[in-house]
Amino acid sequence: MTDAEWQVMRAALPIPAWLQGQGGRPEGYCHRAMLDAVRYVVDNGVKWVNLPCDFPPYRRVHAFARRWQITGLLAQLHDRLGDKVRKQEGRSPDPTAAIVDSQSVRAASNVPRSTSGWDGGKKAGGRKRHLLVDCLGLFLAVAVTVANVQDRDAAVPLLERLRKLYFSIRLVWADGAYASAVVDWAR
């Protein structure tokens, strides 16, 4: 991560309890190095054990990422950075409109049949990502299902989650796959 990116990230990170005089032990590795390592794993799709030796030990990086995921700190960081992007674009931090769509993704041959399906419309076997994004393309909510789940069936739980996370949403754009009962339900 560049120095400019780190300055933005650093401002969005929570302050550790030990720096606020609330006890606890200082962390053994710099947050910048840990976040760089997590980004490397995500960007390159490598296993944790294959993390290059330039980074902290993979077990420590994995424990760091897992702890932040469980405590919700990664979600908070995502939301804070999204708010910052919306403000830079001259928009309110709270989105008022969203776009919903899905994408079928082919599954690898070692993916169990119980977690993959067949999307007849796209002639693809695997899973389906159901995405809700704001007008800038920033993720608001995501659901992953087997590929044979229809868009309209996955939309209701996804929209319910969106409503809990972003009460300011007043408009959702969707294509024809979401027509019928979903529109009535949303009203």
C-alpha atoms as a PDB file:
ATOM      1  CA  MET A   1       0.000   0.000   0.000  1.00  0.00           C
ATOM      2  CA  THR A   2       1.321   3.438  -0.848  1.00  0.00           C
ATOM      3  CA  ASP A   3       1.981   6.046   1.823  1.00  0.00           C
ATOM      4  CA  ALA A   4      -1.069   8.023   0.667  1.00  0.00           C
ATOM      5  CA  GLU A   5      -3.286   4.910   0.870  1.00  0.00           C
ATOM      6  CA  TRP A   6      -1.912   4.136   4.323  1.00  0.00           C
ATOM      7  CA  GLN A   7      -2.756   7.636   5.574  1.00  0.00           C
ATOM      8  CA  VAL A   8      -6.379   7.127   4.499  1.00  0.00           C
ATOM      9  CA  MET A   9      -6.500   3.632   6.012  1.00  0.00           C
ATOM     10  CA  ARG A  10      -4.819   4.709   9.233  1.00  0.00           C
ATOM     11  CA  ALA A  11      -7.420   7.416   9.825  1.00  0.00           C
ATOM     12  CA  ALA A  12     -10.220   4.875   9.282  1.00  0.00           C
ATOM     13  CA  LEU A  13      -8.776   2.208  11.607  1.00  0.00           C
ATOM     14  CA  PRO A  14      -9.989   1.875  15.191  1.00  0.00           C
ATOM     15  CA  ILE A  15      -7.553   2.952  17.884  1.00  0.00           C
ATOM     16  CA  PRO A  16      -6.237  -0.067  19.853  1.00  0.00           C
ATOM     17  CA  ALA A  17      -7.270  -0.185  23.524  1.00  0.00           C
ATOM     18  CA  TRP A  18      -3.666  -0.188  24.752  1.00  0.00           C
ATOM     19  CA  LEU A  19      -3.044   3.159  23.012  1.00  0.00           C
ATOM     20  CA  GLN A  20      -6.054   4.625  24.809  1.00  0.00           C
ATOM     21  CA  GLY A  21      -4.736   3.530  28.195  1.00  0.00           C
ATOM     22  CA  GLN A  22      -7.410   0.830  28.527  1.00  0.00           C
ATOM     23  CA  GLY A  23      -4.989  -2.018  29.093  1.00  0.00           C
ATOM     24  CA  GLY A  24      -4.042  -4.862  26.858  1.00  0.00           C
ATOM     25  CA  ARG A  25      -0.794  -5.754  25.189  1.00  0.00           C
ATOM     26  CA  PRO A  26       0.624  -3.936  22.169  1.00  0.00           C
ATOM     27  CA  GLU A  27       0.349  -5.939  18.973  1.00  0.00           C
ATOM     28  CA  GLY A  28       3.515  -7.592  17.745  1.00  0.00           C
ATOM     29  CA  TYR A  29       3.247  -6.379  14.146  1.00  0.00           C
ATOM     30  CA  CYS A  30       2.385  -3.092  12.476  1.00  0.00           C
ATOM     31  CA  HIS A  31      -1.191  -2.860  11.169  1.00  0.00           C
ATOM     32  CA  ARG A  32       0.132  -1.665   7.825  1.00  0.00           C
ATOM     33  CA  ALA A  33       2.220  -4.824   7.369  1.00  0.00           C
ATOM     34  CA  MET A  34      -0.702  -7.006   8.435  1.00  0.00           C
ATOM     35  CA  LEU A  35      -3.164  -5.288   6.087  1.00  0.00           C
ATOM     36  CA  ASP A  36      -0.643  -5.493   3.234  1.00  0.00           C
ATOM     37  CA  ALA A  37      -0.351  -9.238   3.854  1.00  0.00           C
ATOM     38  CA  VAL A  38      -4.151  -9.712   3.927  1.00  0.00           C
ATOM     39  CA  ARG A  39      -4.492  -7.700   0.717  1.00  0.00           C
ATOM     40  CA  TYR A  40      -1.782  -9.857  -0.882  1.00  0.00           C
ATOM     41  CA  VAL A  41      -3.666 -13.057  -0.044  1.00  0.00           C
ATOM     42  CA  VAL A  42      -6.975 -11.674  -1.307  1.00  0.00           C
ATOM     43  CA  ASP A  43      -5.540 -10.093  -4.452  1.00  0.00           C
ATOM     44  CA  ASN A  44      -3.438 -13.070  -5.532  1.00  0.00           C
ATOM     45  CA  GLY A  45      -5.725 -15.848  -4.341  1.00  0.00           C
ATOM     46  CA  VAL A  46      -2.908 -17.689  -2.580  1.00  0.00           C
ATOM     47  CA  LYS A  47      -3.191 -19.847   0.507  1.00  0.00           C
ATOM     48  CA  TRP A  48      -2.161 -18.315   3.814  1.00  0.00           C
ATOM     49  CA  VAL A  49       0.754 -20.734   4.062  1.00  0.00           C
ATOM     50  CA  ASN A  50       2.092 -19.411   0.723  1.00  0.00           C
ATOM     51  CA  LEU A  51       2.414 -15.857   1.997  1.00  0.00           C
ATOM     52  CA  PRO A  52       5.886 -14.558   1.015  1.00  0.00           C
ATOM     53  CA  CYS A  53       8.441 -14.202   3.794  1.00  0.00           C
ATOM     54  CA  ASP A  54       8.460 -10.395   3.321  1.00  0.00           C
ATOM     55  CA  PHE A  55       5.286 -10.334   5.408  1.00  0.00           C
ATOM     56  CA  PRO A  56       4.779 -11.316   9.059  1.00  0.00           C
ATOM     57  CA  PRO A  57       4.326 -15.083   9.688  1.00  0.00           C
ATOM     58  CA  TYR A  58       1.209 -16.394   7.966  1.00  0.00           C
ATOM     59  CA  ARG A  59      -0.304 -17.782  11.175  1.00  0.00           C
ATOM     60  CA  ARG A  60      -0.154 -14.340  12.791  1.00  0.00           C
ATOM     61  CA  VAL A  61      -1.609 -12.660   9.679  1.00  0.00           C
ATOM     62  CA  HIS A  62      -4.424 -15.198   9.475  1.00  0.00           C
ATOM     63  CA  ALA A  63      -5.203 -14.809  13.189  1.00  0.00           C
ATOM     64  CA  PHE A  64      -5.214 -11.024  12.751  1.00  0.00           C
ATOM     65  CA  ALA A  65      -7.609 -11.164   9.777  1.00  0.00           C
ATOM     66  CA  ARG A  66      -9.863 -13.710  11.469  1.00  0.00           C
ATOM     67  CA  ARG A  67     -10.037 -11.676  14.693  1.00  0.00           C
ATOM     68  CA  TRP A  68     -10.930  -8.520  12.773  1.00  0.00           C
ATOM     69  CA  GLN A  69     -13.574 -10.423  10.806  1.00  0.00           C
ATOM     70  CA  ILE A  70     -15.183 -11.969  13.906  1.00  0.00           C
ATOM     71  CA  THR A  71     -15.248  -8.691  15.837  1.00  0.00           C
ATOM     72  CA  GLY A  72     -16.703  -6.820  12.856  1.00  0.00           C
ATOM     73  CA  LEU A  73     -13.723  -4.505  12.434  1.00  0.00           C
ATOM     74  CA  LEU A  74     -13.289  -5.384   8.741  1.00  0.00           C
ATOM     75  CA  ALA A  75     -16.942  -4.510   8.079  1.00  0.00           C
ATOM     76  CA  GLN A  76     -16.521  -1.235   9.983  1.00  0.00           C
ATOM     77  CA  LEU A  77     -13.402  -0.411   7.979  1.00  0.00           C
ATOM     78  CA  HIS A  78     -15.263  -1.173   4.735  1.00  0.00           C
ATOM     79  CA  ASP A  79     -18.148   1.082   5.763  1.00  0.00           C
ATOM     80  CA  ARG A  80     -15.894   3.950   6.861  1.00  0.00           C
ATOM     81  CA  LEU A  81     -13.947   3.864   3.604  1.00  0.00           C
ATOM     82  CA  GLY A  82     -17.202   3.692   1.615  1.00  0.00           C
ATOM     83  CA  ASP A  83     -18.523   6.740   3.471  1.00  0.00           C
ATOM     84  CA  LYS A  84     -15.295   8.575   2.661  1.00  0.00           C
ATOM     85  CA  VAL A  85     -15.613   7.736  -1.059  1.00  0.00           C
ATOM     86  CA  ARG A  86     -19.252   8.882  -1.121  1.00  0.00           C
ATOM     87  CA  LYS A  87     -18.313  12.185   0.539  1.00  0.00           C
ATOM     88  CA  GLN A  88     -15.473  12.743  -1.970  1.00  0.00           C
ATOM     89  CA  GLU A  89     -17.985  12.239  -4.779  1.00  0.00           C
ATOM     90  CA  GLY A  90     -20.250  14.900  -3.254  1.00  0.00           C
ATOM     91  CA  ARG A  91     -22.837  12.417  -2.008  1.00  0.00           C
ATOM     92  CA  SER A  92     -24.332  11.744   1.377  1.00  0.00           C
ATOM     93  CA  PRO A  93     -22.553   9.051   3.430  1.00  0.00           C
ATOM     94  CA  ASP A  94     -25.890   7.231   3.639  1.00  0.00           C
ATOM     95  CA  PRO A  95     -26.943   5.897   0.224  1.00  0.00           C
ATOM     96  CA  THR A  96     -30.539   6.450  -0.863  1.00  0.00           C
ATOM     97  CA  ALA A  97     -30.562   4.218  -3.952  1.00  0.00           C
ATOM     98  CA  ALA A  98     -29.198   0.788  -4.808  1.00  0.00           C
ATOM     99  CA  ILE A  99     -28.852  -1.567  -7.759  1.00  0.00           C
ATOM    100  CA  VAL A 100     -29.413  -5.317  -7.464  1.00  0.00           C
ATOM    101  CA  ASP A 101     -28.159  -7.981  -9.832  1.00  0.00           C
ATOM    102  CA  SER A 102     -26.606 -11.429  -9.831  1.00  0.00           C
ATOM    103  CA  GLN A 103     -23.732 -13.227 -11.481  1.00  0.00           C
ATOM    104  CA  SER A 104     -23.297 -16.947 -12.006  1.00  0.00           C
ATOM    105  CA  VAL A 105     -19.809 -18.219 -11.264  1.00  0.00           C
ATOM    106  CA  ARG A 106     -18.482 -21.575 -12.375  1.00  0.00           C
ATOM    107  CA  ALA A 107     -17.415 -23.812  -9.531  1.00  0.00           C
ATOM    108  CA  ALA A 108     -14.189 -25.746  -9.461  1.00  0.00           C
ATOM    109  CA  SER A 109     -14.377 -29.501  -9.931  1.00  0.00           C
ATOM    110  CA  ASN A 110     -13.676 -30.126  -6.248  1.00  0.00           C
ATOM    111  CA  VAL A 111     -16.657 -28.042  -5.026  1.00  0.00           C
ATOM    112  CA  PRO A 112     -19.285 -30.341  -3.463  1.00  0.00           C
ATOM    113  CA  ARG A 113     -22.572 -30.800  -5.308  1.00  0.00           C
ATOM    114  CA  SER A 114     -24.476 -29.725  -2.189  1.00  0.00           C
ATOM    115  CA  THR A 115     -23.065 -26.191  -2.500  1.00  0.00           C
ATOM    116  CA  SER A 116     -23.320 -25.772  -6.263  1.00  0.00           C
ATOM    117  CA  GLY A 117     -26.142 -25.925  -8.771  1.00  0.00           C
ATOM    118  CA  TRP A 118     -26.985 -25.388 -12.442  1.00  0.00           C
ATOM    119  CA  ASP A 119     -28.089 -22.017 -13.823  1.00  0.00           C
ATOM    120  CA  GLY A 120     -30.153 -22.994 -16.858  1.00  0.00           C
ATOM    121  CA  GLY A 121     -30.396 -19.441 -18.170  1.00  0.00           C
ATOM    122  CA  LYS A 122     -26.665 -18.898 -18.298  1.00  0.00           C
ATOM    123  CA  LYS A 123     -25.775 -22.549 -18.881  1.00  0.00           C
ATOM    124  CA  ALA A 124     -23.316 -22.494 -15.994  1.00  0.00           C
ATOM    125  CA  GLY A 125     -22.801 -24.822 -13.073  1.00  0.00           C
ATOM    126  CA  GLY A 126     -21.619 -23.462  -9.757  1.00  0.00           C
ATOM    127  CA  ARG A 127     -22.719 -20.650  -7.498  1.00  0.00           C
ATOM    128  CA  LYS A 128     -24.452 -17.338  -7.892  1.00  0.00           C
ATOM    129  CA  ARG A 129     -23.456 -13.996  -6.348  1.00  0.00           C
ATOM    130  CA  HIS A 130     -26.350 -11.668  -5.594  1.00  0.00           C
ATOM    131  CA  LEU A 131     -25.072  -8.118  -5.215  1.00  0.00           C
ATOM    132  CA  LEU A 132     -26.553  -4.870  -3.989  1.00  0.00           C
ATOM    133  CA  VAL A 133     -24.416  -1.819  -4.800  1.00  0.00           C
ATOM    134  CA  ASP A 134     -24.927   1.912  -4.493  1.00  0.00           C
ATOM    135  CA  CYS A 135     -24.855   4.271  -7.487  1.00  0.00           C
ATOM    136  CA  LEU A 136     -21.063   4.465  -7.280  1.00  0.00           C
ATOM    137  CA  GLY A 137     -20.732   0.670  -7.434  1.00  0.00           C
ATOM    138  CA  LEU A 138     -19.773   0.263  -3.755  1.00  0.00           C
ATOM    139  CA  PHE A 139     -20.999  -2.973  -2.159  1.00  0.00           C
ATOM    140  CA  LEU A 140     -23.913  -2.663   0.230  1.00  0.00           C
ATOM    141  CA  ALA A 141     -24.916  -6.317   0.641  1.00  0.00           C
ATOM    142  CA  VAL A 142     -23.877  -9.650  -0.865  1.00  0.00           C
ATOM    143  CA  ALA A 143     -25.365 -13.144  -0.787  1.00  0.00           C
ATOM    144  CA  VAL A 144     -23.930 -16.315  -2.317  1.00  0.00           C
ATOM    145  CA  THR A 145     -26.273 -19.160  -3.266  1.00  0.00           C
ATOM    146  CA  VAL A 146     -26.215 -22.242  -5.435  1.00  0.00           C
ATOM    147  CA  ALA A 147     -26.567 -21.305  -9.107  1.00  0.00           C
ATOM    148  CA  ASN A 148     -30.095 -22.688  -9.529  1.00  0.00           C
ATOM    149  CA  VAL A 149     -31.618 -20.179  -7.066  1.00  0.00           C
ATOM    150  CA  GLN A 150     -33.710 -17.684  -9.020  1.00  0.00           C
ATOM    151  CA  ASP A 151     -32.867 -14.001  -8.642  1.00  0.00           C
ATOM    152  CA  ARG A 152     -36.366 -13.208  -7.340  1.00  0.00           C
ATOM    153  CA  ASP A 153     -36.027 -15.862  -4.606  1.00  0.00           C
ATOM    154  CA  ALA A 154     -32.690 -14.531  -3.364  1.00  0.00           C
ATOM    155  CA  ALA A 155     -33.840 -10.904  -3.559  1.00  0.00           C
ATOM    156  CA  VAL A 156     -36.167 -10.915  -0.540  1.00  0.00           C
ATOM    157  CA  PRO A 157     -33.588 -11.940   2.111  1.00  0.00           C
ATOM    158  CA  LEU A 158     -30.997  -9.708   0.440  1.00  0.00           C
ATOM    159  CA  LEU A 159     -33.334  -6.708   0.496  1.00  0.00           C
ATOM    160  CA  GLU A 160     -34.257  -7.439   4.122  1.00  0.00           C
ATOM    161  CA  ARG A 161     -30.558  -7.359   5.032  1.00  0.00           C
ATOM    162  CA  LEU A 162     -30.127  -4.136   3.042  1.00  0.00           C
ATOM    163  CA  ARG A 163     -32.992  -2.528   4.958  1.00  0.00           C
ATOM    164  CA  LYS A 164     -31.372  -3.418   8.306  1.00  0.00           C
ATOM    165  CA  LEU A 165     -27.972  -2.072   7.236  1.00  0.00           C
ATOM    166  CA  TYR A 166     -29.108   1.041   5.330  1.00  0.00           C
ATOM    167  CA  PHE A 167     -32.464   2.413   6.426  1.00  0.00           C
ATOM    168  CA  SER A 168     -31.932   5.414   4.106  1.00  0.00           C
ATOM    169  CA  ILE A 169     -32.460   3.369   0.896  1.00  0.00           C
ATOM    170  CA  ARG A 170     -35.618   4.537  -0.878  1.00  0.00           C
ATOM    171  CA  LEU A 171     -35.110   3.182  -4.398  1.00  0.00           C
ATOM    172  CA  VAL A 172     -33.706  -0.082  -5.777  1.00  0.00           C
ATOM    173  CA  TRP A 173     -33.113  -0.621  -9.476  1.00  0.00           C
ATOM    174  CA  ALA A 174     -33.398  -4.158 -10.831  1.00  0.00           C
ATOM    175  CA  ASP A 175     -33.709  -5.924 -14.162  1.00  0.00           C
ATOM    176  CA  GLY A 176     -36.629  -8.073 -15.323  1.00  0.00           C
ATOM    177  CA  ALA A 177     -35.460 -11.141 -13.393  1.00  0.00           C
ATOM    178  CA  TYR A 178     -36.665  -9.474 -10.187  1.00  0.00           C
ATOM    179  CA  ALA A 179     -40.155  -8.635 -11.466  1.00  0.00           C
ATOM    180  CA  SER A 180     -43.424  -9.999 -10.097  1.00  0.00           C
ATOM    181  CA  ALA A 181     -43.711 -10.811  -6.406  1.00  0.00           C
ATOM    182  CA  VAL A 182     -40.480  -9.052  -5.416  1.00  0.00           C
ATOM    183  CA  VAL A 183     -41.803  -5.679  -6.555  1.00  0.00           C
ATOM    184  CA  ASP A 184     -45.035  -6.211  -4.597  1.00  0.00           C
ATOM    185  CA  TRP A 185     -43.097  -7.344  -1.538  1.00  0.00           C
ATOM    186  CA  ALA A 186     -40.774  -4.321  -1.698  1.00  0.00           C
ATOM    187  CA  ARG A 187     -43.722  -1.943  -1.828  1.00  0.00           C
END
